[in-house]
Amino acid sequence: MDPVQDALAHLREVFARYPVRAVLEGCPHCRGDVSTAHPDLFALSLRLGNTVGTHEDLKSFLPALFAELVSSGKLDETIVVGRLDGWREWPEDEQEAVDAFLLACWSALLRRHPAQLGSFYHAADFLLAVQQVYSTVERFLRVWEVTRTRPADRHLADAVEHWVYSDRAFSPFVVAWLHRPHIRTRLYLAFSVDPAAVDADAFARAFDFLGTG
């Protein structure tokens, strides 16, 4: 049983009400009409509902975009998830299907390090993507808190390093969460299990960073 694939199947069922059209009208000043016989999903992730097709066409391709997102590294997770702008005004079953898919992805991501879930390679990638379209990512952080495994801890250490070094900023809510005392304690405990482990240095660095940030 694969929760991500199950969530994708449900997503396809819900969004089947938006059939893929054979030809999508495109901006005449850009590329013109676009055939969907052999779609370029990366190009469509950028243009659907804007210079190509309608908002309903975006919904018709959403299952395909999400399926590609978790099966390859060909799409940009920030772009694809960002296309959900305004999704809280969609019908309730559509919102629930999208929400269930993203939660399934998050749980799957935390089970392995590196995640190797298509474009979602690290927890930081996922959070940067979803913070665009959720008013708060608290529900994802709650899942992280109760997922007490070595891979989940390692993703936590990576997220701290992302906060320190990357110019792609976490939301203030995520930064504040990283600085909660129990997060630093968790990193210390992960280090202390085996200070000679290959990943011990990552836990030690993250622990130190949070002590000075």
C-alpha atoms as a PDB file:
ATOM      1  CA  MET A   1       0.000   0.000   0.000  1.00  0.00           C
ATOM      2  CA  ASP A   2       1.452   3.364  -1.062  1.00  0.00           C
ATOM      3  CA  PRO A   3      -0.313   6.332   0.584  1.00  0.00           C
ATOM      4  CA  VAL A   4       1.083   8.771  -1.994  1.00  0.00           C
ATOM      5  CA  GLN A   5      -0.224   6.723  -4.913  1.00  0.00           C
ATOM      6  CA  ASP A   6      -3.541   6.230  -3.134  1.00  0.00           C
ATOM      7  CA  ALA A   7      -3.824   9.991  -2.655  1.00  0.00           C
ATOM      8  CA  LEU A   8      -2.959  10.520  -6.320  1.00  0.00           C
ATOM      9  CA  ALA A   9      -5.661   8.068  -7.369  1.00  0.00           C
ATOM     10  CA  HIS A  10      -8.214   9.953  -5.290  1.00  0.00           C
ATOM     11  CA  LEU A  11      -7.011  13.225  -6.773  1.00  0.00           C
ATOM     12  CA  ARG A  12      -7.558  11.855 -10.280  1.00  0.00           C
ATOM     13  CA  GLU A  13     -11.090  10.790  -9.361  1.00  0.00           C
ATOM     14  CA  VAL A  14     -12.003  14.201  -7.976  1.00  0.00           C
ATOM     15  CA  PHE A  15     -10.458  16.211 -10.808  1.00  0.00           C
ATOM     16  CA  ALA A  16     -11.837  13.942 -13.535  1.00  0.00           C
ATOM     17  CA  ARG A  17     -14.667  16.495 -13.745  1.00  0.00           C
ATOM     18  CA  TYR A  18     -12.164  18.636 -15.663  1.00  0.00           C
ATOM     19  CA  PRO A  19     -11.297  16.597 -18.785  1.00  0.00           C
ATOM     20  CA  VAL A  20      -8.091  17.422 -20.636  1.00  0.00           C
ATOM     21  CA  ARG A  21      -8.876  19.245 -23.875  1.00  0.00           C
ATOM     22  CA  ALA A  22      -7.066  18.263 -27.069  1.00  0.00           C
ATOM     23  CA  VAL A  23      -5.950  21.826 -27.775  1.00  0.00           C
ATOM     24  CA  LEU A  24      -5.463  24.678 -25.325  1.00  0.00           C
ATOM     25  CA  GLU A  25      -5.762  28.242 -26.496  1.00  0.00           C
ATOM     26  CA  GLY A  26      -2.516  30.115 -26.049  1.00  0.00           C
ATOM     27  CA  CYS A  27      -1.470  33.725 -26.114  1.00  0.00           C
ATOM     28  CA  PRO A  28      -0.903  34.638 -29.789  1.00  0.00           C
ATOM     29  CA  HIS A  29       2.067  36.785 -28.808  1.00  0.00           C
ATOM     30  CA  CYS A  30       3.782  33.909 -27.001  1.00  0.00           C
ATOM     31  CA  ARG A  31       3.452  30.454 -28.492  1.00  0.00           C
ATOM     32  CA  GLY A  32      -0.113  30.194 -29.688  1.00  0.00           C
ATOM     33  CA  ASP A  33      -2.363  27.173 -29.214  1.00  0.00           C
ATOM     34  CA  VAL A  34      -0.898  24.110 -27.508  1.00  0.00           C
ATOM     35  CA  SER A  35      -1.666  20.479 -28.314  1.00  0.00           C
ATOM     36  CA  THR A  36      -2.005  18.207 -25.296  1.00  0.00           C
ATOM     37  CA  ALA A  37      -1.178  15.021 -27.197  1.00  0.00           C
ATOM     38  CA  HIS A  38       2.397  15.039 -25.860  1.00  0.00           C
ATOM     39  CA  PRO A  39       2.351  17.746 -23.220  1.00  0.00           C
ATOM     40  CA  ASP A  40       5.449  19.484 -21.927  1.00  0.00           C
ATOM     41  CA  LEU A  41       4.516  19.429 -18.252  1.00  0.00           C
ATOM     42  CA  PHE A  42       7.243  21.819 -17.206  1.00  0.00           C
ATOM     43  CA  ALA A  43       6.100  24.438 -19.726  1.00  0.00           C
ATOM     44  CA  LEU A  44       2.483  23.874 -18.731  1.00  0.00           C
ATOM     45  CA  SER A  45       3.330  24.240 -15.038  1.00  0.00           C
ATOM     46  CA  LEU A  46       4.502  27.749 -15.864  1.00  0.00           C
ATOM     47  CA  ARG A  47       1.768  28.813 -18.260  1.00  0.00           C
ATOM     48  CA  LEU A  48      -1.503  27.008 -17.538  1.00  0.00           C
ATOM     49  CA  GLY A  49      -4.263  29.392 -16.621  1.00  0.00           C
ATOM     50  CA  ASN A  50      -2.085  32.345 -17.561  1.00  0.00           C
ATOM     51  CA  THR A  51      -0.862  32.421 -21.162  1.00  0.00           C
ATOM     52  CA  VAL A  52      -2.205  28.951 -22.004  1.00  0.00           C
ATOM     53  CA  GLY A  53      -5.689  27.614 -21.368  1.00  0.00           C
ATOM     54  CA  THR A  54      -8.050  28.450 -18.550  1.00  0.00           C
ATOM     55  CA  HIS A  55      -8.195  27.920 -14.806  1.00  0.00           C
ATOM     56  CA  GLU A  56     -10.191  24.747 -15.456  1.00  0.00           C
ATOM     57  CA  ASP A  57      -7.417  23.519 -17.750  1.00  0.00           C
ATOM     58  CA  LEU A  58      -4.997  23.971 -14.872  1.00  0.00           C
ATOM     59  CA  LYS A  59      -7.238  21.766 -12.752  1.00  0.00           C
ATOM     60  CA  SER A  60      -7.441  19.166 -15.531  1.00  0.00           C
ATOM     61  CA  PHE A  61      -3.648  18.840 -15.509  1.00  0.00           C
ATOM     62  CA  LEU A  62      -3.199  19.003 -11.749  1.00  0.00           C
ATOM     63  CA  PRO A  63      -3.116  15.197 -11.208  1.00  0.00           C
ATOM     64  CA  ALA A  64      -0.526  14.803 -13.991  1.00  0.00           C
ATOM     65  CA  LEU A  65       1.587  17.622 -12.600  1.00  0.00           C
ATOM     66  CA  PHE A  66       1.483  16.175  -9.091  1.00  0.00           C
ATOM     67  CA  ALA A  67       2.241  12.666 -10.367  1.00  0.00           C
ATOM     68  CA  GLU A  68       5.298  13.970 -12.225  1.00  0.00           C
ATOM     69  CA  LEU A  69       6.320  16.016  -9.205  1.00  0.00           C
ATOM     70  CA  VAL A  70       6.707  12.921  -7.006  1.00  0.00           C
ATOM     71  CA  SER A  71       8.106  10.572  -9.664  1.00  0.00           C
ATOM     72  CA  SER A  72      10.869  12.655 -11.235  1.00  0.00           C
ATOM     73  CA  GLY A  73      12.968  15.729 -10.660  1.00  0.00           C
ATOM     74  CA  LYS A  74      11.814  17.382 -13.872  1.00  0.00           C
ATOM     75  CA  LEU A  75       9.415  19.864 -12.297  1.00  0.00           C
ATOM     76  CA  ASP A  76      10.047  22.684  -9.879  1.00  0.00           C
ATOM     77  CA  GLU A  77       8.143  21.939  -6.688  1.00  0.00           C
ATOM     78  CA  THR A  78       7.814  25.618  -5.783  1.00  0.00           C
ATOM     79  CA  ILE A  79       6.261  26.427  -9.164  1.00  0.00           C
ATOM     80  CA  VAL A  80       3.863  23.469  -9.226  1.00  0.00           C
ATOM     81  CA  VAL A  81       2.579  23.883  -5.673  1.00  0.00           C
ATOM     82  CA  GLY A  82       2.454  27.642  -6.196  1.00  0.00           C
ATOM     83  CA  ARG A  83      -0.146  27.085  -8.915  1.00  0.00           C
ATOM     84  CA  LEU A  84      -2.576  26.272  -6.091  1.00  0.00           C
ATOM     85  CA  ASP A  85      -2.938  29.979  -5.384  1.00  0.00           C
ATOM     86  CA  GLY A  86      -6.567  30.582  -4.460  1.00  0.00           C
ATOM     87  CA  TRP A  87      -7.303  26.883  -3.916  1.00  0.00           C
ATOM     88  CA  ARG A  88      -9.118  27.582  -0.639  1.00  0.00           C
ATOM     89  CA  GLU A  89     -11.963  28.898  -2.766  1.00  0.00           C
ATOM     90  CA  TRP A  90     -12.256  25.607  -4.693  1.00  0.00           C
ATOM     91  CA  PRO A  91     -15.021  23.069  -3.962  1.00  0.00           C
ATOM     92  CA  GLU A  92     -14.485  21.297  -0.656  1.00  0.00           C
ATOM     93  CA  ASP A  93     -13.776  17.863  -2.129  1.00  0.00           C
ATOM     94  CA  GLU A  94     -11.072  19.352  -4.350  1.00  0.00           C
ATOM     95  CA  GLN A  95      -9.451  21.064  -1.376  1.00  0.00           C
ATOM     96  CA  GLU A  96      -9.577  17.827   0.615  1.00  0.00           C
ATOM     97  CA  ALA A  97      -8.010  15.827  -2.232  1.00  0.00           C
ATOM     98  CA  VAL A  98      -5.134  18.289  -2.612  1.00  0.00           C
ATOM     99  CA  ASP A  99      -4.640  18.468   1.142  1.00  0.00           C
ATOM    100  CA  ALA A 100      -4.576  14.661   1.484  1.00  0.00           C
ATOM    101  CA  PHE A 101      -2.046  14.363  -1.326  1.00  0.00           C
ATOM    102  CA  LEU A 102       0.327  16.905   0.195  1.00  0.00           C
ATOM    103  CA  LEU A 103       0.054  15.348   3.645  1.00  0.00           C
ATOM    104  CA  ALA A 104       0.786  11.902   2.171  1.00  0.00           C
ATOM    105  CA  CYS A 105       3.835  13.334   0.412  1.00  0.00           C
ATOM    106  CA  TRP A 106       5.063  14.931   3.620  1.00  0.00           C
ATOM    107  CA  SER A 107       4.744  11.722   5.629  1.00  0.00           C
ATOM    108  CA  ALA A 108       6.520   9.760   2.902  1.00  0.00           C
ATOM    109  CA  LEU A 109       9.264  12.358   2.673  1.00  0.00           C
ATOM    110  CA  LEU A 110      10.030  12.158   6.381  1.00  0.00           C
ATOM    111  CA  ARG A 111      10.428   8.372   6.258  1.00  0.00           C
ATOM    112  CA  ARG A 112      13.633   8.518   4.171  1.00  0.00           C
ATOM    113  CA  HIS A 113      16.727  10.669   3.960  1.00  0.00           C
ATOM    114  CA  PRO A 114      17.341  11.833   1.335  1.00  0.00           C
ATOM    115  CA  ALA A 115      13.639  11.662   0.595  1.00  0.00           C
ATOM    116  CA  GLN A 116      13.978  10.735  -3.090  1.00  0.00           C
ATOM    117  CA  LEU A 117      10.351  11.664  -3.645  1.00  0.00           C
ATOM    118  CA  GLY A 118      10.688  13.218  -7.072  1.00  0.00           C
ATOM    119  CA  SER A 119      11.385  16.930  -6.756  1.00  0.00           C
ATOM    120  CA  PHE A 120      10.860  16.779  -2.984  1.00  0.00           C
ATOM    121  CA  TYR A 121      14.398  15.837  -2.026  1.00  0.00           C
ATOM    122  CA  HIS A 122      14.517  17.430   1.409  1.00  0.00           C
ATOM    123  CA  ALA A 123      11.956  18.609   3.944  1.00  0.00           C
ATOM    124  CA  ALA A 124      13.093  22.178   3.310  1.00  0.00           C
ATOM    125  CA  ASP A 125      12.056  21.876  -0.356  1.00  0.00           C
ATOM    126  CA  PHE A 126       8.582  20.802   0.682  1.00  0.00           C
ATOM    127  CA  LEU A 127       8.090  23.503   3.310  1.00  0.00           C
ATOM    128  CA  LEU A 128       9.259  26.246   0.963  1.00  0.00           C
ATOM    129  CA  ALA A 129       6.703  25.047  -1.575  1.00  0.00           C
ATOM    130  CA  VAL A 130       3.684  24.646   0.697  1.00  0.00           C
ATOM    131  CA  GLN A 131       4.236  27.799   2.739  1.00  0.00           C
ATOM    132  CA  GLN A 132       3.164  29.702  -0.380  1.00  0.00           C
ATOM    133  CA  VAL A 133      -0.353  28.291  -0.306  1.00  0.00           C
ATOM    134  CA  TYR A 134      -1.097  27.528   3.366  1.00  0.00           C
ATOM    135  CA  SER A 135      -1.821  30.290   5.839  1.00  0.00           C
ATOM    136  CA  THR A 136       0.278  28.266   8.278  1.00  0.00           C
ATOM    137  CA  VAL A 137       2.287  25.066   7.902  1.00  0.00           C
ATOM    138  CA  GLU A 138       1.647  24.104  11.524  1.00  0.00           C
ATOM    139  CA  ARG A 139      -0.086  20.852  10.598  1.00  0.00           C
ATOM    140  CA  PHE A 140       3.027  19.674   8.717  1.00  0.00           C
ATOM    141  CA  LEU A 141       5.267  20.615  11.626  1.00  0.00           C
ATOM    142  CA  ARG A 142       3.015  18.666  14.007  1.00  0.00           C
ATOM    143  CA  VAL A 143       3.511  15.575  11.853  1.00  0.00           C
ATOM    144  CA  TRP A 144       7.270  16.176  11.997  1.00  0.00           C
ATOM    145  CA  GLU A 145       7.175  16.433  15.772  1.00  0.00           C
ATOM    146  CA  VAL A 146       5.542  13.013  16.185  1.00  0.00           C
ATOM    147  CA  THR A 147       7.685  11.320  13.530  1.00  0.00           C
ATOM    148  CA  ARG A 148      10.592  10.363  15.781  1.00  0.00           C
ATOM    149  CA  THR A 149      12.853   8.524  13.372  1.00  0.00           C
ATOM    150  CA  ARG A 150      16.463   8.978  12.290  1.00  0.00           C
ATOM    151  CA  PRO A 151      15.503  10.140   8.770  1.00  0.00           C
ATOM    152  CA  ALA A 152      13.058  12.706  10.178  1.00  0.00           C
ATOM    153  CA  ASP A 153      15.752  13.950  12.568  1.00  0.00           C
ATOM    154  CA  ARG A 154      18.214  14.206   9.693  1.00  0.00           C
ATOM    155  CA  HIS A 155      15.747  16.270   7.672  1.00  0.00           C
ATOM    156  CA  LEU A 156      15.449  18.516  10.721  1.00  0.00           C
ATOM    157  CA  ALA A 157      19.203  19.075  10.799  1.00  0.00           C
ATOM    158  CA  ASP A 158      19.132  19.889   7.079  1.00  0.00           C
ATOM    159  CA  ALA A 159      16.319  22.378   7.620  1.00  0.00           C
ATOM    160  CA  VAL A 160      18.403  24.208  10.214  1.00  0.00           C
ATOM    161  CA  GLU A 161      21.326  24.381   7.777  1.00  0.00           C
ATOM    162  CA  HIS A 162      18.953  25.676   5.129  1.00  0.00           C
ATOM    163  CA  TRP A 163      17.860  28.433   7.504  1.00  0.00           C
ATOM    164  CA  VAL A 164      21.504  29.372   8.076  1.00  0.00           C
ATOM    165  CA  TYR A 165      22.872  29.242   4.544  1.00  0.00           C
ATOM    166  CA  SER A 166      20.091  29.550   1.966  1.00  0.00           C
ATOM    167  CA  ASP A 167      18.680  32.758   0.527  1.00  0.00           C
ATOM    168  CA  ARG A 168      15.316  30.998   0.057  1.00  0.00           C
ATOM    169  CA  ALA A 169      13.689  32.016   3.317  1.00  0.00           C
ATOM    170  CA  PHE A 170      11.407  29.953   5.493  1.00  0.00           C
ATOM    171  CA  SER A 171       8.321  31.714   6.781  1.00  0.00           C
ATOM    172  CA  PRO A 172       8.717  33.401  10.204  1.00  0.00           C
ATOM    173  CA  PHE A 173       6.468  30.674  11.644  1.00  0.00           C
ATOM    174  CA  VAL A 174       8.881  27.918  10.555  1.00  0.00           C
ATOM    175  CA  VAL A 175      11.912  29.832  11.811  1.00  0.00           C
ATOM    176  CA  ALA A 176      10.244  30.348  15.188  1.00  0.00           C
ATOM    177  CA  TRP A 177       9.368  26.645  15.343  1.00  0.00           C
ATOM    178  CA  LEU A 178      12.964  25.644  14.633  1.00  0.00           C
ATOM    179  CA  HIS A 179      14.036  27.770  17.585  1.00  0.00           C
ATOM    180  CA  ARG A 180      11.724  26.122  20.084  1.00  0.00           C
ATOM    181  CA  PRO A 181      13.786  24.507  22.858  1.00  0.00           C
ATOM    182  CA  HIS A 182      12.489  20.991  22.255  1.00  0.00           C
ATOM    183  CA  ILE A 183      13.727  21.087  18.644  1.00  0.00           C
ATOM    184  CA  ARG A 184      17.282  21.787  19.798  1.00  0.00           C
ATOM    185  CA  THR A 185      16.930  19.063  22.417  1.00  0.00           C
ATOM    186  CA  ARG A 186      15.793  16.640  19.727  1.00  0.00           C
ATOM    187  CA  LEU A 187      18.910  17.368  17.673  1.00  0.00           C
ATOM    188  CA  TYR A 188      21.114  16.824  20.725  1.00  0.00           C
ATOM    189  CA  LEU A 189      19.462  13.482  21.430  1.00  0.00           C
ATOM    190  CA  ALA A 190      19.914  12.425  17.792  1.00  0.00           C
ATOM    191  CA  PHE A 191      23.622  13.244  18.102  1.00  0.00           C
ATOM    192  CA  SER A 192      24.047  11.514  21.454  1.00  0.00           C
ATOM    193  CA  VAL A 193      22.627   8.201  20.222  1.00  0.00           C
ATOM    194  CA  ASP A 194      25.872   7.620  18.336  1.00  0.00           C
ATOM    195  CA  PRO A 195      28.396  10.499  18.288  1.00  0.00           C
ATOM    196  CA  ALA A 196      30.586   8.477  15.922  1.00  0.00           C
ATOM    197  CA  ALA A 197      27.850   7.995  13.315  1.00  0.00           C
ATOM    198  CA  VAL A 198      28.296   9.361   9.806  1.00  0.00           C
ATOM    199  CA  ASP A 199      25.504  11.893  10.314  1.00  0.00           C
ATOM    200  CA  ALA A 200      26.501  12.924  13.843  1.00  0.00           C
ATOM    201  CA  ASP A 201      28.269  16.060  12.626  1.00  0.00           C
ATOM    202  CA  ALA A 202      25.081  17.264  10.933  1.00  0.00           C
ATOM    203  CA  PHE A 203      23.188  17.021  14.219  1.00  0.00           C
ATOM    204  CA  ALA A 204      25.979  18.751  16.124  1.00  0.00           C
ATOM    205  CA  ARG A 205      26.148  21.625  13.635  1.00  0.00           C
ATOM    206  CA  ALA A 206      22.393  22.162  13.697  1.00  0.00           C
ATOM    207  CA  PHE A 207      22.398  22.066  17.504  1.00  0.00           C
ATOM    208  CA  ASP A 208      25.121  24.723  17.592  1.00  0.00           C
ATOM    209  CA  PHE A 209      23.409  26.912  14.991  1.00  0.00           C
ATOM    210  CA  LEU A 210      20.207  27.026  17.013  1.00  0.00           C
ATOM    211  CA  GLY A 211      22.195  27.985  20.083  1.00  0.00           C
ATOM    212  CA  THR A 212      23.578  31.070  18.401  1.00  0.00           C
ATOM    213  CA  GLY A 213      20.690  32.090  16.089  1.00  0.00           C
END
